[in-house]
């Protein structure tokens, strides 16, 4: 997510026509990782990597309405970025 905060504004200001081509791999990869982390937290898939040091990936620090966690918010943001890039690619 952090590289996108630099890449997107620069690409938008420069009106770069190939912006979706280098943003989409990052946003799709982030979507997959965020979905995996969310499914781990909701215990819908088993945790195959035991965390011996630090906080386990299944720990939920913040929860709203019983299902909105930080990985869910990240997943939503990546999906919005992906949809905007696909729509922008399609319009041109």
N, C-alpha and C. Protein backbone atom coordinates (compact mmCIF):
# COMPACT_ATOMS: atom_id res chain seq x y z
N UNK A 1 0.83 -1.19 0.00
CA UNK A 1 0.00 0.00 0.00
C UNK A 1 0.87 1.25 0.00
N UNK A 2 1.98 1.22 0.73
CA UNK A 2 2.78 2.44 0.87
C UNK A 2 3.40 2.91 -0.44
N UNK A 3 3.91 2.04 -1.32
CA UNK A 3 4.43 2.56 -2.59
C UNK A 3 3.33 3.21 -3.44
N UNK A 4 2.11 2.74 -3.30
CA UNK A 4 1.02 3.31 -4.09
C UNK A 4 0.72 4.75 -3.69
N UNK A 5 1.01 5.12 -2.45
CA UNK A 5 0.76 6.50 -2.03
C UNK A 5 1.71 7.47 -2.72
N UNK A 6 2.80 6.98 -3.24
CA UNK A 6 3.73 7.83 -3.99
C UNK A 6 3.48 7.70 -5.49
N UNK A 7 3.27 6.47 -5.97
CA UNK A 7 3.11 6.21 -7.39
C UNK A 7 1.83 6.84 -7.94
N UNK A 8 0.70 6.67 -7.24
CA UNK A 8 -0.58 7.16 -7.76
C UNK A 8 -0.63 8.68 -7.93
N UNK A 9 -0.28 9.48 -6.93
CA UNK A 9 -0.34 10.93 -7.15
C UNK A 9 0.58 11.42 -8.26
N UNK A 10 1.79 10.85 -8.35
CA UNK A 10 2.71 11.26 -9.41
C UNK A 10 2.14 10.90 -10.77
N UNK A 11 1.61 9.70 -10.90
CA UNK A 11 1.01 9.26 -12.17
C UNK A 11 -0.20 10.08 -12.55
N UNK A 12 -1.00 10.48 -11.57
CA UNK A 12 -2.19 11.28 -11.85
C UNK A 12 -1.80 12.70 -12.25
N UNK A 13 -0.84 13.28 -11.55
CA UNK A 13 -0.40 14.65 -11.87
C UNK A 13 0.22 14.70 -13.26
N UNK A 14 1.03 13.68 -13.60
CA UNK A 14 1.68 13.64 -14.91
C UNK A 14 0.74 13.15 -16.02
N UNK A 15 -0.45 12.70 -15.63
CA UNK A 15 -1.43 12.13 -16.57
C UNK A 15 -0.80 11.00 -17.39
N UNK A 16 -0.15 10.10 -16.67
CA UNK A 16 0.56 8.98 -17.27
C UNK A 16 -0.45 7.98 -17.85
N UNK A 17 -0.42 7.73 -19.15
CA UNK A 17 -1.41 6.81 -19.74
C UNK A 17 -1.19 5.35 -19.37
N UNK A 18 0.02 5.00 -18.91
CA UNK A 18 0.28 3.60 -18.56
C UNK A 18 0.24 3.37 -17.04
N UNK A 19 -0.31 4.32 -16.30
CA UNK A 19 -0.41 4.20 -14.84
C UNK A 19 -1.04 2.87 -14.40
N UNK A 20 -2.15 2.43 -15.00
CA UNK A 20 -2.73 1.16 -14.55
C UNK A 20 -1.80 -0.03 -14.70
N UNK A 21 -0.89 0.00 -15.66
CA UNK A 21 -0.03 -1.14 -15.91
C UNK A 21 1.00 -1.36 -14.81
N UNK A 22 1.40 -0.32 -14.11
CA UNK A 22 2.32 -0.56 -13.00
C UNK A 22 1.66 -0.43 -11.64
N UNK A 23 0.41 -0.02 -11.57
CA UNK A 23 -0.31 0.00 -10.29
C UNK A 23 -1.06 -1.32 -10.08
N UNK A 24 -1.60 -1.89 -11.15
CA UNK A 24 -2.40 -3.12 -11.01
C UNK A 24 -1.64 -4.29 -10.37
N UNK A 25 -0.38 -4.57 -10.73
CA UNK A 25 0.30 -5.68 -10.05
C UNK A 25 0.42 -5.47 -8.54
N UNK A 26 0.69 -4.23 -8.12
CA UNK A 26 0.79 -3.94 -6.69
C UNK A 26 -0.56 -4.06 -5.99
N UNK A 27 -1.61 -3.53 -6.63
CA UNK A 27 -2.93 -3.56 -5.97
C UNK A 27 -3.52 -4.97 -5.95
N UNK A 28 -3.30 -5.74 -6.99
CA UNK A 28 -3.82 -7.11 -7.01
C UNK A 28 -3.05 -7.97 -6.00
N UNK A 29 -1.75 -7.79 -5.94
CA UNK A 29 -0.95 -8.52 -4.94
C UNK A 29 -1.37 -8.16 -3.52
N UNK A 30 -1.60 -6.88 -3.26
CA UNK A 30 -2.06 -6.44 -1.95
C UNK A 30 -3.44 -6.99 -1.61
N UNK A 31 -4.30 -7.09 -2.62
CA UNK A 31 -5.65 -7.64 -2.41
C UNK A 31 -5.56 -9.09 -1.96
N UNK A 32 -4.71 -9.86 -2.60
CA UNK A 32 -4.57 -11.28 -2.27
C UNK A 32 -4.02 -11.45 -0.85
N UNK A 33 -3.00 -10.68 -0.51
CA UNK A 33 -2.41 -10.78 0.83
C UNK A 33 -3.40 -10.34 1.91
N UNK A 34 -4.13 -9.24 1.66
CA UNK A 34 -5.11 -8.75 2.63
C UNK A 34 -6.24 -9.75 2.81
N UNK A 35 -6.71 -10.37 1.73
CA UNK A 35 -7.77 -11.38 1.83
C UNK A 35 -7.28 -12.58 2.63
N UNK A 36 -6.06 -13.03 2.36
CA UNK A 36 -5.48 -14.15 3.11
C UNK A 36 -5.42 -13.83 4.60
N UNK A 37 -4.94 -12.64 4.95
CA UNK A 37 -4.84 -12.24 6.35
C UNK A 37 -6.22 -12.15 7.01
N UNK A 38 -7.20 -11.63 6.28
CA UNK A 38 -8.56 -11.54 6.83
C UNK A 38 -9.14 -12.93 7.07
N UNK A 39 -8.94 -13.83 6.11
CA UNK A 39 -9.45 -15.19 6.28
C UNK A 39 -8.77 -15.90 7.44
N UNK A 40 -7.48 -15.61 7.66
CA UNK A 40 -6.78 -16.16 8.83
C UNK A 40 -7.40 -15.64 10.12
N UNK A 41 -7.65 -14.34 10.16
CA UNK A 41 -8.21 -13.75 11.38
C UNK A 41 -9.60 -14.29 11.69
N UNK A 42 -10.40 -14.50 10.67
CA UNK A 42 -11.76 -15.00 10.87
C UNK A 42 -11.78 -16.52 11.05
N UNK A 43 -10.59 -17.14 11.01
CA UNK A 43 -10.41 -18.58 11.18
C UNK A 43 -11.19 -19.39 10.15
N UNK A 44 -11.26 -18.87 8.92
CA UNK A 44 -11.90 -19.59 7.83
C UNK A 44 -10.92 -20.49 7.10
N UNK A 45 -9.62 -20.24 7.29
CA UNK A 45 -8.59 -21.11 6.76
C UNK A 45 -7.61 -21.39 7.90
N UNK A 46 -6.96 -22.55 7.89
CA UNK A 46 -6.04 -22.87 8.99
C UNK A 46 -4.74 -22.09 8.87
N UNK A 47 -4.16 -21.79 10.02
CA UNK A 47 -2.87 -21.10 10.07
C UNK A 47 -1.78 -22.16 9.92
N UNK A 48 -1.11 -22.14 8.78
CA UNK A 48 -0.09 -23.15 8.49
C UNK A 48 1.29 -22.76 8.97
N UNK A 49 1.48 -21.48 9.31
CA UNK A 49 2.78 -21.01 9.78
C UNK A 49 2.66 -20.61 11.24
N UNK A 50 3.13 -21.46 12.14
CA UNK A 50 3.05 -21.09 13.55
C UNK A 50 3.98 -19.92 13.86
N UNK A 51 3.43 -18.92 14.49
CA UNK A 51 4.23 -17.75 14.86
C UNK A 51 4.88 -18.02 16.22
N UNK A 52 6.19 -18.15 16.22
CA UNK A 52 6.90 -18.40 17.47
C UNK A 52 7.43 -17.11 18.08
N UNK A 53 7.59 -16.09 17.25
CA UNK A 53 8.09 -14.80 17.74
C UNK A 53 7.10 -13.72 17.36
N UNK A 54 6.72 -12.88 18.32
CA UNK A 54 5.83 -11.77 18.02
C UNK A 54 4.37 -12.12 18.15
N UNK A 55 3.55 -11.30 17.55
CA UNK A 55 2.09 -11.45 17.62
C UNK A 55 1.63 -12.37 16.49
N UNK A 56 0.78 -13.37 16.80
CA UNK A 56 0.28 -14.25 15.74
C UNK A 56 -0.60 -13.49 14.74
N UNK A 57 -0.66 -14.00 13.52
CA UNK A 57 -1.44 -13.36 12.45
C UNK A 57 -2.94 -13.44 12.71
N UNK A 58 -3.36 -14.33 13.57
CA UNK A 58 -4.79 -14.49 13.85
C UNK A 58 -5.30 -13.53 14.92
N UNK A 59 -4.42 -12.75 15.52
CA UNK A 59 -4.82 -11.80 16.56
C UNK A 59 -5.60 -10.65 15.94
N UNK A 60 -6.74 -10.32 16.54
CA UNK A 60 -7.56 -9.20 16.07
C UNK A 60 -7.41 -8.06 17.07
N UNK A 61 -6.82 -6.96 16.60
CA UNK A 61 -6.61 -5.81 17.48
C UNK A 61 -7.80 -4.87 17.49
N UNK A 62 -8.37 -4.61 16.32
CA UNK A 62 -9.47 -3.66 16.17
C UNK A 62 -10.59 -4.37 15.42
N UNK A 63 -11.82 -4.23 15.91
CA UNK A 63 -12.96 -4.81 15.22
C UNK A 63 -14.17 -3.88 15.34
N UNK A 64 -14.83 -3.66 14.21
CA UNK A 64 -16.05 -2.84 14.17
C UNK A 64 -17.17 -3.70 13.61
N UNK A 65 -18.33 -3.63 14.20
CA UNK A 65 -19.53 -4.35 13.77
C UNK A 65 -19.33 -5.86 13.70
N UNK A 66 -18.32 -6.38 14.38
CA UNK A 66 -18.11 -7.81 14.46
C UNK A 66 -17.37 -8.43 13.29
N UNK A 67 -17.11 -7.69 12.21
CA UNK A 67 -16.41 -8.29 11.07
C UNK A 67 -15.41 -7.35 10.40
N UNK A 68 -15.45 -6.07 10.67
CA UNK A 68 -14.53 -5.13 10.02
C UNK A 68 -13.25 -5.04 10.85
N UNK A 69 -12.17 -5.59 10.29
CA UNK A 69 -10.86 -5.55 10.93
C UNK A 69 -9.91 -4.78 10.02
N UNK A 70 -8.68 -4.58 10.48
CA UNK A 70 -7.70 -3.85 9.66
C UNK A 70 -7.41 -4.56 8.33
N UNK A 71 -7.24 -5.87 8.28
CA UNK A 71 -7.05 -6.52 6.98
C UNK A 71 -8.27 -6.36 6.06
N UNK A 72 -9.47 -6.32 6.63
CA UNK A 72 -10.67 -6.11 5.82
C UNK A 72 -10.65 -4.71 5.21
N UNK A 73 -10.26 -3.71 5.99
CA UNK A 73 -10.16 -2.35 5.47
C UNK A 73 -9.10 -2.27 4.38
N UNK A 74 -7.98 -2.95 4.58
CA UNK A 74 -6.92 -2.98 3.58
C UNK A 74 -7.42 -3.66 2.30
N UNK A 75 -8.12 -4.77 2.45
CA UNK A 75 -8.70 -5.47 1.30
C UNK A 75 -9.64 -4.57 0.53
N UNK A 76 -10.49 -3.83 1.24
CA UNK A 76 -11.44 -2.92 0.61
C UNK A 76 -10.71 -1.81 -0.15
N UNK A 77 -9.68 -1.24 0.45
CA UNK A 77 -8.92 -0.18 -0.21
C UNK A 77 -8.24 -0.70 -1.48
N UNK A 78 -7.63 -1.88 -1.40
CA UNK A 78 -6.99 -2.45 -2.59
C UNK A 78 -8.00 -2.76 -3.68
N UNK A 79 -9.18 -3.23 -3.31
CA UNK A 79 -10.22 -3.51 -4.31
C UNK A 79 -10.68 -2.22 -5.00
N UNK A 80 -10.82 -1.14 -4.25
CA UNK A 80 -11.22 0.14 -4.83
C UNK A 80 -10.14 0.65 -5.79
N UNK A 81 -8.88 0.55 -5.38
CA UNK A 81 -7.78 0.97 -6.25
C UNK A 81 -7.75 0.13 -7.52
N UNK A 82 -7.92 -1.18 -7.38
CA UNK A 82 -7.92 -2.07 -8.55
C UNK A 82 -9.08 -1.73 -9.49
N UNK A 83 -10.26 -1.51 -8.92
CA UNK A 83 -11.43 -1.18 -9.76
C UNK A 83 -11.22 0.15 -10.49
N UNK A 84 -10.68 1.15 -9.80
CA UNK A 84 -10.43 2.44 -10.44
C UNK A 84 -9.40 2.31 -11.56
N UNK A 85 -8.37 1.52 -11.36
CA UNK A 85 -7.36 1.34 -12.40
C UNK A 85 -7.93 0.58 -13.60
N UNK A 86 -8.76 -0.41 -13.33
CA UNK A 86 -9.38 -1.14 -14.45
C UNK A 86 -10.35 -0.26 -15.23
N UNK A 87 -11.11 0.55 -14.51
CA UNK A 87 -12.03 1.47 -15.19
C UNK A 87 -11.26 2.54 -15.97
N UNK A 88 -10.18 3.05 -15.39
CA UNK A 88 -9.38 4.04 -16.09
C UNK A 88 -8.71 3.47 -17.33
N UNK A 89 -8.30 2.23 -17.25
CA UNK A 89 -7.69 1.56 -18.40
C UNK A 89 -8.72 1.32 -19.50
N UNK A 90 -9.94 1.04 -19.10
CA UNK A 90 -11.00 0.75 -20.04
C UNK A 90 -11.52 2.00 -20.74
N UNK A 91 -11.55 3.11 -20.01
CA UNK A 91 -12.07 4.37 -20.57
C UNK A 91 -11.15 4.87 -21.69
N UNK A 92 -9.85 4.70 -21.51
CA UNK A 92 -8.90 5.21 -22.51
C UNK A 92 -8.79 4.22 -23.61
